[in-house]
């Protein structure tokens, strides 16, 4: 298996590149490992304003992946770099 990752902003999607870290989607241990490591993934992420919430929302945590929310390409890039640095720890 050769996992790949890409980013989308509106209708634009980046080129795919190799995904070198983490557990593959569908791997039996994924849910347990996700619970151990995901708690602080959004630390230091800027996020976006969402109506009726008291704080900015940095993204969504789903079963085995993360959606980042950003108001600009620059903020998305910074958030991506922050998540990448987090994943190296």
N, C-alpha and C. Protein backbone atom coordinates (compact mmCIF):
# COMPACT_ATOMS: atom_id res chain seq x y z
N UNK A 1 0.84 -1.18 0.00
CA UNK A 1 0.00 0.00 0.00
C UNK A 1 0.89 1.25 0.00
N UNK A 2 0.50 2.25 -0.76
CA UNK A 2 1.28 3.48 -0.91
C UNK A 2 0.40 4.67 -0.54
N UNK A 3 0.25 4.98 0.77
CA UNK A 3 -0.65 6.06 1.17
C UNK A 3 -0.17 7.42 0.70
N UNK A 4 -1.12 8.30 0.37
CA UNK A 4 -0.83 9.65 -0.11
C UNK A 4 -1.68 10.64 0.69
N UNK A 5 -1.24 11.91 0.68
CA UNK A 5 -1.96 12.98 1.36
C UNK A 5 -2.04 14.18 0.42
N UNK A 6 -3.15 14.92 0.51
CA UNK A 6 -3.30 16.17 -0.25
C UNK A 6 -4.16 17.12 0.57
N UNK A 7 -4.15 18.39 0.18
CA UNK A 7 -4.93 19.42 0.86
C UNK A 7 -5.89 20.05 -0.13
N UNK A 8 -7.04 20.48 0.37
CA UNK A 8 -7.98 21.19 -0.50
C UNK A 8 -8.37 22.51 0.14
N UNK A 9 -8.52 23.53 -0.71
CA UNK A 9 -9.03 24.83 -0.30
C UNK A 9 -10.08 25.22 -1.31
N UNK A 10 -11.33 25.23 -0.89
CA UNK A 10 -12.40 25.48 -1.85
C UNK A 10 -12.40 24.38 -2.90
N UNK A 11 -12.20 24.77 -4.16
CA UNK A 11 -12.19 23.80 -5.25
C UNK A 11 -10.78 23.41 -5.68
N UNK A 12 -9.76 24.01 -5.07
CA UNK A 12 -8.38 23.70 -5.41
C UNK A 12 -7.86 22.56 -4.54
N UNK A 13 -7.20 21.60 -5.16
CA UNK A 13 -6.62 20.47 -4.43
C UNK A 13 -5.14 20.39 -4.77
N UNK A 14 -4.32 20.25 -3.73
CA UNK A 14 -2.88 20.17 -3.94
C UNK A 14 -2.50 18.84 -4.59
N UNK A 15 -1.26 18.78 -5.08
CA UNK A 15 -0.74 17.51 -5.58
C UNK A 15 -0.61 16.53 -4.41
N UNK A 16 -0.80 15.27 -4.68
CA UNK A 16 -0.63 14.25 -3.65
C UNK A 16 0.85 14.00 -3.40
N UNK A 17 1.18 13.73 -2.15
CA UNK A 17 2.55 13.35 -1.81
C UNK A 17 2.50 12.16 -0.87
N UNK A 18 3.61 11.46 -0.75
CA UNK A 18 3.65 10.27 0.11
C UNK A 18 3.39 10.66 1.56
N UNK A 19 2.64 9.83 2.23
CA UNK A 19 2.33 9.99 3.65
C UNK A 19 3.24 9.04 4.41
N UNK A 20 4.23 9.59 5.10
CA UNK A 20 5.28 8.77 5.69
C UNK A 20 5.10 8.46 7.17
N UNK A 21 4.14 9.10 7.83
CA UNK A 21 3.98 8.93 9.26
C UNK A 21 2.59 8.41 9.58
N UNK A 22 2.45 7.79 10.75
CA UNK A 22 1.14 7.43 11.25
C UNK A 22 0.73 6.01 10.92
N UNK A 23 -0.53 5.75 11.20
CA UNK A 23 -1.14 4.44 11.01
C UNK A 23 -2.07 4.52 9.80
N UNK A 24 -2.06 3.50 8.99
CA UNK A 24 -2.93 3.49 7.81
C UNK A 24 -4.40 3.41 8.20
N UNK A 25 -5.24 4.07 7.42
CA UNK A 25 -6.68 4.00 7.64
C UNK A 25 -7.12 2.55 7.53
N UNK A 26 -7.94 2.11 8.47
CA UNK A 26 -8.43 0.74 8.46
C UNK A 26 -7.58 -0.23 9.27
N UNK A 27 -6.41 0.19 9.73
CA UNK A 27 -5.55 -0.65 10.55
C UNK A 27 -6.27 -0.93 11.87
N UNK A 28 -6.33 -2.18 12.34
CA UNK A 28 -7.12 -2.51 13.54
C UNK A 28 -6.76 -1.71 14.79
N UNK A 29 -5.51 -1.32 14.96
CA UNK A 29 -5.11 -0.58 16.16
C UNK A 29 -5.36 0.92 16.04
N UNK A 30 -5.80 1.39 14.89
CA UNK A 30 -5.97 2.84 14.68
C UNK A 30 -6.82 3.53 15.73
N UNK A 31 -8.01 3.03 16.08
CA UNK A 31 -8.84 3.76 17.06
C UNK A 31 -8.17 3.92 18.42
N UNK A 32 -7.49 2.89 18.89
CA UNK A 32 -6.83 2.97 20.20
C UNK A 32 -5.67 3.95 20.15
N UNK A 33 -4.84 3.85 19.13
CA UNK A 33 -3.70 4.76 19.00
C UNK A 33 -4.16 6.20 18.82
N UNK A 34 -5.23 6.39 18.06
CA UNK A 34 -5.82 7.71 17.86
C UNK A 34 -6.17 8.34 19.21
N UNK A 35 -6.83 7.59 20.08
CA UNK A 35 -7.23 8.10 21.39
C UNK A 35 -6.03 8.51 22.24
N UNK A 36 -4.96 7.76 22.17
CA UNK A 36 -3.77 8.08 22.97
C UNK A 36 -3.10 9.38 22.54
N UNK A 37 -3.03 9.63 21.25
CA UNK A 37 -2.17 10.71 20.74
C UNK A 37 -2.89 11.97 20.29
N UNK A 38 -4.18 11.93 20.08
CA UNK A 38 -4.86 13.04 19.41
C UNK A 38 -5.21 14.21 20.32
N UNK A 39 -5.17 14.02 21.62
CA UNK A 39 -5.70 15.02 22.55
C UNK A 39 -5.17 16.44 22.34
N UNK A 40 -3.91 16.61 22.01
CA UNK A 40 -3.36 17.96 21.88
C UNK A 40 -3.01 18.35 20.45
N UNK A 41 -3.61 17.69 19.47
CA UNK A 41 -3.26 17.94 18.07
C UNK A 41 -3.55 19.39 17.65
N UNK A 42 -4.58 20.01 18.21
CA UNK A 42 -4.95 21.36 17.80
C UNK A 42 -4.30 22.46 18.64
N UNK A 43 -3.42 22.08 19.54
CA UNK A 43 -2.71 23.08 20.34
C UNK A 43 -1.94 24.00 19.40
N UNK A 44 -2.05 25.29 19.58
CA UNK A 44 -1.35 26.32 18.79
C UNK A 44 -1.89 26.49 17.37
N UNK A 45 -3.06 25.94 17.05
CA UNK A 45 -3.69 26.14 15.74
C UNK A 45 -4.62 27.35 15.85
N UNK A 46 -4.60 28.24 14.85
CA UNK A 46 -5.37 29.48 14.89
C UNK A 46 -6.87 29.23 14.86
N UNK A 47 -7.37 28.49 13.90
CA UNK A 47 -8.79 28.20 13.80
C UNK A 47 -9.59 29.31 13.13
N UNK A 48 -10.90 29.08 13.05
CA UNK A 48 -11.82 30.04 12.43
C UNK A 48 -12.98 30.32 13.37
N UNK A 49 -13.60 31.48 13.20
CA UNK A 49 -14.77 31.83 14.00
C UNK A 49 -15.97 31.06 13.48
N UNK A 50 -16.73 30.47 14.40
CA UNK A 50 -17.95 29.74 14.06
C UNK A 50 -19.09 30.36 14.85
N UNK A 51 -20.20 30.71 14.19
CA UNK A 51 -21.32 31.32 14.90
C UNK A 51 -21.76 30.47 16.10
N UNK A 52 -22.09 31.14 17.19
CA UNK A 52 -22.60 30.54 18.43
C UNK A 52 -21.57 29.75 19.23
N UNK A 53 -20.31 29.83 18.87
CA UNK A 53 -19.26 29.22 19.69
C UNK A 53 -18.44 30.33 20.33
N UNK A 54 -17.97 30.10 21.54
CA UNK A 54 -17.24 31.11 22.28
C UNK A 54 -15.78 31.22 21.88
N UNK A 55 -15.25 30.23 21.18
CA UNK A 55 -13.85 30.27 20.78
C UNK A 55 -13.71 29.82 19.34
N UNK A 56 -12.53 30.08 18.76
CA UNK A 56 -12.29 29.68 17.38
C UNK A 56 -12.18 28.16 17.28
N UNK A 57 -12.64 27.63 16.15
CA UNK A 57 -12.59 26.20 15.91
C UNK A 57 -11.42 25.89 14.97
N UNK A 58 -10.43 25.12 15.43
CA UNK A 58 -9.27 24.82 14.60
C UNK A 58 -9.51 23.73 13.57
N UNK A 59 -10.53 22.90 13.78
CA UNK A 59 -10.79 21.81 12.84
C UNK A 59 -11.68 20.76 13.45
N UNK A 60 -11.74 19.63 12.77
CA UNK A 60 -12.59 18.52 13.19
C UNK A 60 -11.74 17.27 13.37
N UNK A 61 -11.98 16.58 14.47
CA UNK A 61 -11.33 15.29 14.70
C UNK A 61 -12.33 14.21 14.32
N UNK A 62 -11.96 13.38 13.38
CA UNK A 62 -12.83 12.31 12.92
C UNK A 62 -12.20 10.96 13.26
N UNK A 63 -12.81 9.89 12.85
CA UNK A 63 -12.38 8.56 13.27
C UNK A 63 -10.88 8.32 13.11
N UNK A 64 -10.34 8.62 11.96
CA UNK A 64 -8.91 8.38 11.77
C UNK A 64 -8.26 9.42 10.88
N UNK A 65 -8.79 10.63 10.91
CA UNK A 65 -8.13 11.74 10.23
C UNK A 65 -8.59 13.06 10.82
N UNK A 66 -7.92 14.13 10.42
CA UNK A 66 -8.18 15.47 10.95
C UNK A 66 -8.50 16.40 9.79
N UNK A 67 -9.52 17.24 9.96
CA UNK A 67 -9.82 18.31 9.01
C UNK A 67 -9.40 19.62 9.66
N UNK A 68 -8.51 20.37 9.01
CA UNK A 68 -8.10 21.68 9.50
C UNK A 68 -8.99 22.75 8.89
N UNK A 69 -9.35 23.75 9.68
CA UNK A 69 -10.13 24.89 9.19
C UNK A 69 -9.25 26.12 9.24
N UNK A 70 -9.26 26.91 8.17
CA UNK A 70 -8.44 28.11 8.11
C UNK A 70 -9.12 29.15 7.23
N UNK A 71 -8.81 30.42 7.47
CA UNK A 71 -9.41 31.50 6.69
C UNK A 71 -8.57 31.93 5.50
N UNK A 72 -7.36 31.40 5.39
CA UNK A 72 -6.49 31.76 4.27
C UNK A 72 -5.51 30.62 3.98
N UNK A 73 -4.91 30.67 2.79
CA UNK A 73 -3.90 29.67 2.45
C UNK A 73 -2.72 29.75 3.41
N UNK A 74 -2.37 30.97 3.81
CA UNK A 74 -1.25 31.16 4.72
C UNK A 74 -1.53 30.51 6.08
N UNK A 75 -2.74 30.72 6.62
CA UNK A 75 -3.10 30.11 7.89
C UNK A 75 -3.16 28.59 7.78
N UNK A 76 -3.66 28.09 6.64
CA UNK A 76 -3.71 26.64 6.44
C UNK A 76 -2.29 26.07 6.39
N UNK A 77 -1.39 26.77 5.71
CA UNK A 77 0.01 26.32 5.64
C UNK A 77 0.63 26.29 7.03
N UNK A 78 0.40 27.36 7.81
CA UNK A 78 0.95 27.42 9.16
C UNK A 78 0.37 26.30 10.03
N UNK A 79 -0.93 26.07 9.91
CA UNK A 79 -1.57 25.00 10.68
C UNK A 79 -1.02 23.64 10.27
N UNK A 80 -0.83 23.45 8.97
CA UNK A 80 -0.27 22.19 8.47
C UNK A 80 1.13 21.97 9.02
N UNK A 81 1.94 23.01 9.04
CA UNK A 81 3.30 22.91 9.58
C UNK A 81 3.27 22.61 11.08
N UNK A 82 2.32 23.21 11.79
CA UNK A 82 2.18 22.97 13.23
C UNK A 82 1.79 21.52 13.49
N UNK A 83 0.84 21.00 12.71
CA UNK A 83 0.43 19.60 12.85
C UNK A 83 1.60 18.67 12.51
N UNK A 84 2.34 19.02 11.47
CA UNK A 84 3.50 18.21 11.08
C UNK A 84 4.53 18.17 12.21
N UNK A 85 4.81 19.32 12.81
CA UNK A 85 5.76 19.36 13.93
C UNK A 85 5.22 18.54 15.11
N UNK A 86 3.92 18.64 15.37
CA UNK A 86 3.29 17.86 16.44
C UNK A 86 3.45 16.37 16.17
N UNK A 87 3.29 15.96 14.92
CA UNK A 87 3.36 14.53 14.59
C UNK A 87 4.78 13.97 14.72
N UNK A 88 5.78 14.84 14.71
CA UNK A 88 7.16 14.39 14.86
C UNK A 88 7.56 14.19 16.32
N UNK A 89 6.70 14.59 17.24
CA UNK A 89 7.03 14.46 18.67
C UNK A 89 6.62 13.12 19.22
